[in-house]
Amino acid sequence: DMAGGWITVILIGIYVLVYQSIGFLISTAVYLFLQILVLCPEEKRNIPLFGFISIITPVFIYTMFVYLINMPLPKGIFGF
């Protein structure tokens, strides 16, 4: 629906603004969790699964970029 589309645009805008300062891992995990909540119907929401996916996915991507491709991603405020 239109509300979900507008919320997605807002979430992407916020993600772009905080990406450099907060870092890849935290900003991507929060963005993914919120985006999954927006896109998933209320009757099918599984918060623990969404949290797991939102943490594992950025960690996997970060590992691939940093250790396999040797391309560092923004570390952010916590230095990882």
PDB file of N, CA and C in Angstrom:
ATOM      1  N   ASP A   1       0.822  -1.192   0.000  1.00  0.00           N
ATOM      2  CA  ASP A   1       0.000   0.000   0.000  1.00  0.00           C
ATOM      3  C   ASP A   1       0.864   1.252   0.000  1.00  0.00           C
ATOM      4  N   MET A   2       0.241   2.383  -0.138  1.00  0.00           N
ATOM      5  CA  MET A   2       0.974   3.657  -0.221  1.00  0.00           C
ATOM      6  C   MET A   2       1.699   3.995   1.077  1.00  0.00           C
ATOM      7  N   ALA A   3       1.080   3.679   2.209  1.00  0.00           N
ATOM      8  CA  ALA A   3       1.734   3.988   3.487  1.00  0.00           C
ATOM      9  C   ALA A   3       3.034   3.215   3.615  1.00  0.00           C
ATOM     10  N   GLY A   4       3.023   1.942   3.257  1.00  0.00           N
ATOM     11  CA  GLY A   4       4.239   1.136   3.304  1.00  0.00           C
ATOM     12  C   GLY A   4       5.306   1.665   2.373  1.00  0.00           C
ATOM     13  N   GLY A   5       4.892   2.146   1.220  1.00  0.00           N
ATOM     14  CA  GLY A   5       5.845   2.725   0.271  1.00  0.00           C
ATOM     15  C   GLY A   5       6.494   3.983   0.811  1.00  0.00           C
ATOM     16  N   TRP A   6       5.684   4.846   1.409  1.00  0.00           N
ATOM     17  CA  TRP A   6       6.237   6.084   1.965  1.00  0.00           C
ATOM     18  C   TRP A   6       7.122   5.803   3.169  1.00  0.00           C
ATOM     19  N   ILE A   7       6.734   4.850   3.998  1.00  0.00           N
ATOM     20  CA  ILE A   7       7.569   4.493   5.145  1.00  0.00           C
ATOM     21  C   ILE A   7       8.903   3.926   4.665  1.00  0.00           C
ATOM     22  N   THR A   8       8.881   3.145   3.596  1.00  0.00           N
ATOM     23  CA  THR A   8      10.113   2.606   3.017  1.00  0.00           C
ATOM     24  C   THR A   8      11.026   3.728   2.550  1.00  0.00           C
ATOM     25  N   VAL A   9      10.473   4.718   1.872  1.00  0.00           N
ATOM     26  CA  VAL A   9      11.268   5.857   1.406  1.00  0.00           C
ATOM     27  C   VAL A   9      11.883   6.598   2.597  1.00  0.00           C
ATOM     28  N   ILE A  10      11.112   6.795   3.643  1.00  0.00           N
ATOM     29  CA  ILE A  10      11.605   7.480   4.843  1.00  0.00           C
ATOM     30  C   ILE A  10      12.708   6.665   5.510  1.00  0.00           C
ATOM     31  N   LEU A  11      12.499   5.343   5.632  1.00  0.00           N
ATOM     32  CA  LEU A  11      13.514   4.487   6.246  1.00  0.00           C
ATOM     33  C   LEU A  11      14.817   4.504   5.457  1.00  0.00           C
ATOM     34  N   ILE A  12      14.731   4.465   4.143  1.00  0.00           N
ATOM     35  CA  ILE A  12      15.942   4.517   3.316  1.00  0.00           C
ATOM     36  C   ILE A  12      16.652   5.854   3.508  1.00  0.00           C
ATOM     37  N   GLY A  13      15.890   6.939   3.560  1.00  0.00           N
ATOM     38  CA  GLY A  13      16.482   8.258   3.781  1.00  0.00           C
ATOM     39  C   GLY A  13      17.209   8.334   5.111  1.00  0.00           C
ATOM     40  N   ILE A  14      16.596   7.819   6.159  1.00  0.00           N
ATOM     41  CA  ILE A  14      17.237   7.814   7.483  1.00  0.00           C
ATOM     42  C   ILE A  14      18.480   6.930   7.464  1.00  0.00           C
ATOM     43  N   TYR A  15      18.373   5.786   6.803  1.00  0.00           N
ATOM     44  CA  TYR A  15      19.516   4.865   6.689  1.00  0.00           C
ATOM     45  C   TYR A  15      20.709   5.549   6.020  1.00  0.00           C
ATOM     46  N   VAL A  16      20.448   6.270   4.949  1.00  0.00           N
ATOM     47  CA  VAL A  16      21.521   6.975   4.233  1.00  0.00           C
ATOM     48  C   VAL A  16      22.153   8.042   5.127  1.00  0.00           C
ATOM     49  N   LEU A  17      21.345   8.718   5.922  1.00  0.00           N
ATOM     50  CA  LEU A  17      21.861   9.781   6.786  1.00  0.00           C
ATOM     51  C   LEU A  17      22.734   9.260   7.924  1.00  0.00           C
ATOM     52  N   VAL A  18      22.406   8.100   8.477  1.00  0.00           N
ATOM     53  CA  VAL A  18      23.130   7.602   9.648  1.00  0.00           C
ATOM     54  C   VAL A  18      24.190   6.557   9.315  1.00  0.00           C
ATOM     55  N   TYR A  19      24.258   6.118   8.071  1.00  0.00           N
ATOM     56  CA  TYR A  19      25.160   5.035   7.659  1.00  0.00           C
ATOM     57  C   TYR A  19      26.614   5.314   8.016  1.00  0.00           C
ATOM     58  N   GLN A  20      27.140   6.466   7.677  1.00  0.00           N
ATOM     59  CA  GLN A  20      28.554   6.794   7.935  1.00  0.00           C
ATOM     60  C   GLN A  20      28.842   6.967   9.423  1.00  0.00           C
ATOM     61  N   SER A  21      27.960   7.616  10.139  1.00  0.00           N
ATOM     62  CA  SER A  21      28.244   7.912  11.545  1.00  0.00           C
ATOM     63  C   SER A  21      28.030   6.707  12.455  1.00  0.00           C
ATOM     64  N   ILE A  22      26.988   5.942  12.230  1.00  0.00           N
ATOM     65  CA  ILE A  22      26.701   4.790  13.091  1.00  0.00           C
ATOM     66  C   ILE A  22      27.460   3.554  12.620  1.00  0.00           C
ATOM     67  N   GLY A  23      27.678   3.434  11.335  1.00  0.00           N
ATOM     68  CA  GLY A  23      28.402   2.292  10.802  1.00  0.00           C
ATOM     69  C   GLY A  23      27.488   1.306  10.108  1.00  0.00           C
ATOM     70  N   PHE A  24      28.096   0.424   9.343  1.00  0.00           N
ATOM     71  CA  PHE A  24      27.346  -0.524   8.525  1.00  0.00           C
ATOM     72  C   PHE A  24      26.540  -1.515   9.354  1.00  0.00           C
ATOM     73  N   LEU A  25      27.171  -2.149  10.328  1.00  0.00           N
ATOM     74  CA  LEU A  25      26.504  -3.232  11.051  1.00  0.00           C
ATOM     75  C   LEU A  25      25.254  -2.779  11.787  1.00  0.00           C
ATOM     76  N   ILE A  26      25.373  -1.746  12.577  1.00  0.00           N
ATOM     77  CA  ILE A  26      24.235  -1.308  13.391  1.00  0.00           C
ATOM     78  C   ILE A  26      23.146  -0.687  12.525  1.00  0.00           C
ATOM     79  N   SER A  27      23.529   0.209  11.631  1.00  0.00           N
ATOM     80  CA  SER A  27      22.512   0.877  10.812  1.00  0.00           C
ATOM     81  C   SER A  27      21.783  -0.116   9.907  1.00  0.00           C
ATOM     82  N   THR A  28      22.497  -1.090   9.359  1.00  0.00           N
ATOM     83  CA  THR A  28      21.854  -2.065   8.486  1.00  0.00           C
ATOM     84  C   THR A  28      20.953  -2.996   9.280  1.00  0.00           C
ATOM     85  N   ALA A  29      21.376  -3.424  10.459  1.00  0.00           N
ATOM     86  CA  ALA A  29      20.542  -4.298  11.284  1.00  0.00           C
ATOM     87  C   ALA A  29      19.232  -3.605  11.671  1.00  0.00           C
ATOM     88  N   VAL A  30      19.324  -2.361  12.092  1.00  0.00           N
ATOM     89  CA  VAL A  30      18.110  -1.618  12.479  1.00  0.00           C
ATOM     90  C   VAL A  30      17.221  -1.388  11.264  1.00  0.00           C
ATOM     91  N   TYR A  31      17.832  -0.978  10.144  1.00  0.00           N
ATOM     92  CA  TYR A  31      17.055  -0.750   8.927  1.00  0.00           C
ATOM     93  C   TYR A  31      16.330  -2.028   8.489  1.00  0.00           C
ATOM     94  N   LEU A  32      17.045  -3.142   8.434  1.00  0.00           N
ATOM     95  CA  LEU A  32      16.420  -4.388   7.996  1.00  0.00           C
ATOM     96  C   LEU A  32      15.253  -4.782   8.897  1.00  0.00           C
ATOM     97  N   PHE A  33      15.447  -4.676  10.215  1.00  0.00           N
ATOM     98  CA  PHE A  33      14.382  -5.038  11.145  1.00  0.00           C
ATOM     99  C   PHE A  33      13.140  -4.180  10.908  1.00  0.00           C
ATOM    100  N   LEU A  34      13.333  -2.876  10.806  1.00  0.00           N
ATOM    101  CA  LEU A  34      12.189  -1.978  10.598  1.00  0.00           C
ATOM    102  C   LEU A  34      11.542  -2.204   9.226  1.00  0.00           C
ATOM    103  N   GLN A  35      12.353  -2.446   8.210  1.00  0.00           N
ATOM    104  CA  GLN A  35      11.814  -2.670   6.873  1.00  0.00           C
ATOM    105  C   GLN A  35      11.024  -3.970   6.803  1.00  0.00           C
ATOM    106  N   ILE A  36      11.511  -5.004   7.469  1.00  0.00           N
ATOM    107  CA  ILE A  36      10.759  -6.266   7.505  1.00  0.00           C
ATOM    108  C   ILE A  36       9.424  -6.061   8.212  1.00  0.00           C
ATOM    109  N   LEU A  37       9.422  -5.300   9.300  1.00  0.00           N
ATOM    110  CA  LEU A  37       8.167  -5.023  10.009  1.00  0.00           C
ATOM    111  C   LEU A  37       7.175  -4.287   9.111  1.00  0.00           C
ATOM    112  N   VAL A  38       7.670  -3.351   8.319  1.00  0.00           N
ATOM    113  CA  VAL A  38       6.797  -2.584   7.424  1.00  0.00           C
ATOM    114  C   VAL A  38       6.199  -3.487   6.352  1.00  0.00           C
ATOM    115  N   LEU A  39       7.003  -4.381   5.797  1.00  0.00           N
ATOM    116  CA  LEU A  39       6.554  -5.189   4.666  1.00  0.00           C
ATOM    117  C   LEU A  39       5.760  -6.436   5.051  1.00  0.00           C
ATOM    118  N   CYS A  40       5.914  -6.912   6.260  1.00  0.00           N
ATOM    119  CA  CYS A  40       5.245  -8.149   6.673  1.00  0.00           C
ATOM    120  C   CYS A  40       3.843  -7.850   7.218  1.00  0.00           C
ATOM    121  N   PRO A  41       2.850  -8.613   6.801  1.00  0.00           N
ATOM    122  CA  PRO A  41       1.506  -8.436   7.374  1.00  0.00           C
ATOM    123  C   PRO A  41       1.515  -8.740   8.876  1.00  0.00           C
ATOM    124  N   GLU A  42       0.663  -8.055   9.613  1.00  0.00           N
ATOM    125  CA  GLU A  42       0.640  -8.201  11.069  1.00  0.00           C
ATOM    126  C   GLU A  42       0.388  -9.633  11.525  1.00  0.00           C
ATOM    127  N   GLU A  43      -0.438 -10.367  10.818  1.00  0.00           N
ATOM    128  CA  GLU A  43      -0.769 -11.730  11.247  1.00  0.00           C
ATOM    129  C   GLU A  43       0.377 -12.718  11.033  1.00  0.00           C
ATOM    130  N   LYS A  44       1.384 -12.339  10.266  1.00  0.00           N
ATOM    131  CA  LYS A  44       2.520 -13.232  10.001  1.00  0.00           C
ATOM    132  C   LYS A  44       3.814 -12.758  10.662  1.00  0.00           C
ATOM    133  N   ARG A  45       3.736 -11.801  11.559  1.00  0.00           N
ATOM    134  CA  ARG A  45       4.945 -11.258  12.178  1.00  0.00           C
ATOM    135  C   ARG A  45       5.551 -12.240  13.171  1.00  0.00           C
ATOM    136  N   ASN A  46       6.854 -12.417  13.046  1.00  0.00           N
ATOM    137  CA  ASN A  46       7.625 -13.272  13.938  1.00  0.00           C
ATOM    138  C   ASN A  46       8.848 -12.465  14.372  1.00  0.00           C
ATOM    139  N   ILE A  47       8.698 -11.721  15.448  1.00  0.00           N
ATOM    140  CA  ILE A  47       9.711 -10.766  15.895  1.00  0.00           C
ATOM    141  C   ILE A  47      11.073 -11.435  16.148  1.00  0.00           C
ATOM    142  N   PRO A  48      11.136 -12.580  16.847  1.00  0.00           N
ATOM    143  CA  PRO A  48      12.453 -13.206  17.040  1.00  0.00           C
ATOM    144  C   PRO A  48      13.138 -13.581  15.718  1.00  0.00           C
ATOM    145  N   LEU A  49      12.382 -14.096  14.767  1.00  0.00           N
ATOM    146  CA  LEU A  49      12.949 -14.435  13.462  1.00  0.00           C
ATOM    147  C   LEU A  49      13.436 -13.183  12.752  1.00  0.00           C
ATOM    148  N   PHE A  50      12.661 -12.116  12.793  1.00  0.00           N
ATOM    149  CA  PHE A  50      13.063 -10.859  12.159  1.00  0.00           C
ATOM    150  C   PHE A  50      14.347 -10.327  12.787  1.00  0.00           C
ATOM    151  N   GLY A  51      14.452 -10.413  14.117  1.00  0.00           N
ATOM    152  CA  GLY A  51      15.662  -9.976  14.795  1.00  0.00           C
ATOM    153  C   GLY A  51      16.867 -10.800  14.384  1.00  0.00           C
ATOM    154  N   PHE A  52      16.682 -12.110  14.298  1.00  0.00           N
ATOM    155  CA  PHE A  52      17.756 -13.006  13.888  1.00  0.00           C
ATOM    156  C   PHE A  52      18.229 -12.679  12.470  1.00  0.00           C
ATOM    157  N   ILE A  53      17.292 -12.530  11.551  1.00  0.00           N
ATOM    158  CA  ILE A  53      17.636 -12.201  10.165  1.00  0.00           C
ATOM    159  C   ILE A  53      18.330 -10.846  10.091  1.00  0.00           C
ATOM    160  N   SER A  54      17.840  -9.880  10.874  1.00  0.00           N
ATOM    161  CA  SER A  54      18.389  -8.525  10.841  1.00  0.00           C
ATOM    162  C   SER A  54      19.798  -8.439  11.404  1.00  0.00           C
ATOM    163  N   ILE A  55      20.190  -9.391  12.221  1.00  0.00           N
ATOM    164  CA  ILE A  55      21.545  -9.398  12.768  1.00  0.00           C
ATOM    165  C   ILE A  55      22.476 -10.252  11.911  1.00  0.00           C
ATOM    166  N   ILE A  56      22.023 -11.424  11.516  1.00  0.00           N
ATOM    167  CA  ILE A  56      22.869 -12.346  10.760  1.00  0.00           C
ATOM    168  C   ILE A  56      23.225 -11.798   9.375  1.00  0.00           C
ATOM    169  N   THR A  57      22.265 -11.190   8.690  1.00  0.00           N
ATOM    170  CA  THR A  57      22.506 -10.704   7.331  1.00  0.00           C
ATOM    171  C   THR A  57      23.618  -9.652   7.264  1.00  0.00           C
ATOM    172  N   PRO A  58      23.579  -8.582   8.067  1.00  0.00           N
ATOM    173  CA  PRO A  58      24.673  -7.603   7.989  1.00  0.00           C
ATOM    174  C   PRO A  58      26.022  -8.183   8.426  1.00  0.00           C
ATOM    175  N   VAL A  59      26.013  -9.091   9.393  1.00  0.00           N
ATOM    176  CA  VAL A  59      27.267  -9.698   9.826  1.00  0.00           C
ATOM    177  C   VAL A  59      27.865 -10.520   8.680  1.00  0.00           C
ATOM    178  N   PHE A  60      27.041 -11.273   7.976  1.00  0.00           N
ATOM    179  CA  PHE A  60      27.504 -12.062   6.838  1.00  0.00           C
ATOM    180  C   PHE A  60      28.057 -11.154   5.737  1.00  0.00           C
ATOM    181  N   ILE A  61      27.312 -10.101   5.408  1.00  0.00           N
ATOM    182  CA  ILE A  61      27.749  -9.174   4.356  1.00  0.00           C
ATOM    183  C   ILE A  61      29.044  -8.474   4.767  1.00  0.00           C
ATOM    184  N   TYR A  62      29.118  -8.038   6.016  1.00  0.00           N
ATOM    185  CA  TYR A  62      30.318  -7.369   6.518  1.00  0.00           C
ATOM    186  C   TYR A  62      31.528  -8.301   6.415  1.00  0.00           C
ATOM    187  N   THR A  63      31.345  -9.546   6.824  1.00  0.00           N
ATOM    188  CA  THR A  63      32.425 -10.529   6.756  1.00  0.00           C
ATOM    189  C   THR A  63      32.881 -10.745   5.322  1.00  0.00           C
ATOM    190  N   MET A  64      31.938 -10.856   4.421  1.00  0.00           N
ATOM    191  CA  MET A  64      32.281 -11.051   3.009  1.00  0.00           C
ATOM    192  C   MET A  64      33.094  -9.868   2.474  1.00  0.00           C
ATOM    193  N   PHE A  65      32.655  -8.656   2.757  1.00  0.00           N
ATOM    194  CA  PHE A  65      33.337  -7.474   2.236  1.00  0.00           C
ATOM    195  C   PHE A  65      34.714  -7.283   2.862  1.00  0.00           C
ATOM    196  N   VAL A  66      34.803  -7.403   4.180  1.00  0.00           N
ATOM    197  CA  VAL A  66      36.041  -7.083   4.873  1.00  0.00           C
ATOM    198  C   VAL A  66      37.092  -8.181   4.702  1.00  0.00           C
ATOM    199  N   TYR A  67      36.696  -9.445   4.818  1.00  0.00           N
ATOM    200  CA  TYR A  67      37.687 -10.516   4.841  1.00  0.00           C
ATOM    201  C   TYR A  67      37.890 -11.218   3.500  1.00  0.00           C
ATOM    202  N   LEU A  68      36.886 -11.274   2.658  1.00  0.00           N
ATOM    203  CA  LEU A  68      37.060 -11.936   1.373  1.00  0.00           C
ATOM    204  C   LEU A  68      37.394 -10.968   0.248  1.00  0.00           C
ATOM    205  N   ILE A  69      36.746  -9.824   0.236  1.00  0.00           N
ATOM    206  CA  ILE A  69      36.959  -8.854  -0.833  1.00  0.00           C
ATOM    207  C   ILE A  69      38.013  -7.814  -0.442  1.00  0.00           C
ATOM    208  N   ASN A  70      38.332  -7.724   0.846  1.00  0.00           N
ATOM    209  CA  ASN A  70      39.264  -6.714   1.385  1.00  0.00           C
ATOM    210  C   ASN A  70      38.803  -5.297   1.081  1.00  0.00           C
ATOM    211  N   MET A  71      37.519  -5.074   1.249  1.00  0.00           N
ATOM    212  CA  MET A  71      36.938  -3.746   1.040  1.00  0.00           C
ATOM    213  C   MET A  71      36.245  -3.329   2.336  1.00  0.00           C
ATOM    214  N   PRO A  72      36.865  -2.469   3.126  1.00  0.00           N
ATOM    215  CA  PRO A  72      36.280  -2.110   4.415  1.00  0.00           C
ATOM    216  C   PRO A  72      34.986  -1.318   4.274  1.00  0.00           C
ATOM    217  N   LEU A  73      34.085  -1.569   5.205  1.00  0.00           N
ATOM    218  CA  LEU A  73      32.830  -0.830   5.286  1.00  0.00           C
ATOM    219  C   LEU A  73      32.918   0.119   6.474  1.00  0.00           C
ATOM    220  N   PRO A  74      32.099   1.161   6.521  1.00  0.00           N
ATOM    221  CA  PRO A  74      32.156   2.116   7.635  1.00  0.00           C
ATOM    222  C   PRO A  74      32.006   1.423   8.986  1.00  0.00           C
ATOM    223  N   LYS A  75      32.950   1.717   9.894  1.00  0.00           N
ATOM    224  CA  LYS A  75      32.943   1.078  11.211  1.00  0.00           C
ATOM    225  C   LYS A  75      31.984   1.764  12.177  1.00  0.00           C
ATOM    226  N   GLY A  76      31.845   3.044  12.077  1.00  0.00           N
ATOM    227  CA  GLY A  76      30.887   3.750  12.921  1.00  0.00           C
ATOM    228  C   GLY A  76      31.384   4.038  14.318  1.00  0.00           C
ATOM    229  N   ILE A  77      30.448   4.268  15.215  1.00  0.00           N
ATOM    230  CA  ILE A  77      30.764   4.758  16.552  1.00  0.00           C
ATOM    231  C   ILE A  77      31.389   3.708  17.465  1.00  0.00           C
ATOM    232  N   PHE A  78      31.167   2.436  17.201  1.00  0.00           N
ATOM    233  CA  PHE A  78      31.711   1.394  18.067  1.00  0.00           C
ATOM    234  C   PHE A  78      33.006   0.780  17.541  1.00  0.00           C
ATOM    235  N   GLY A  79      33.414   1.130  16.346  1.00  0.00           N
ATOM    236  CA  GLY A  79      34.687   0.676  15.821  1.00  0.00           C
ATOM    237  C   GLY A  79      34.712  -0.738  15.284  1.00  0.00           C
ATOM    238  N   PHE A  80      33.552  -1.292  14.956  1.00  0.00           N
ATOM    239  CA  PHE A  80      33.532  -2.622  14.326  1.00  0.00           C
ATOM    240  C   PHE A  80      32.620  -2.629  13.136  1.00  0.00           C
TER     241      PHE A  80
END
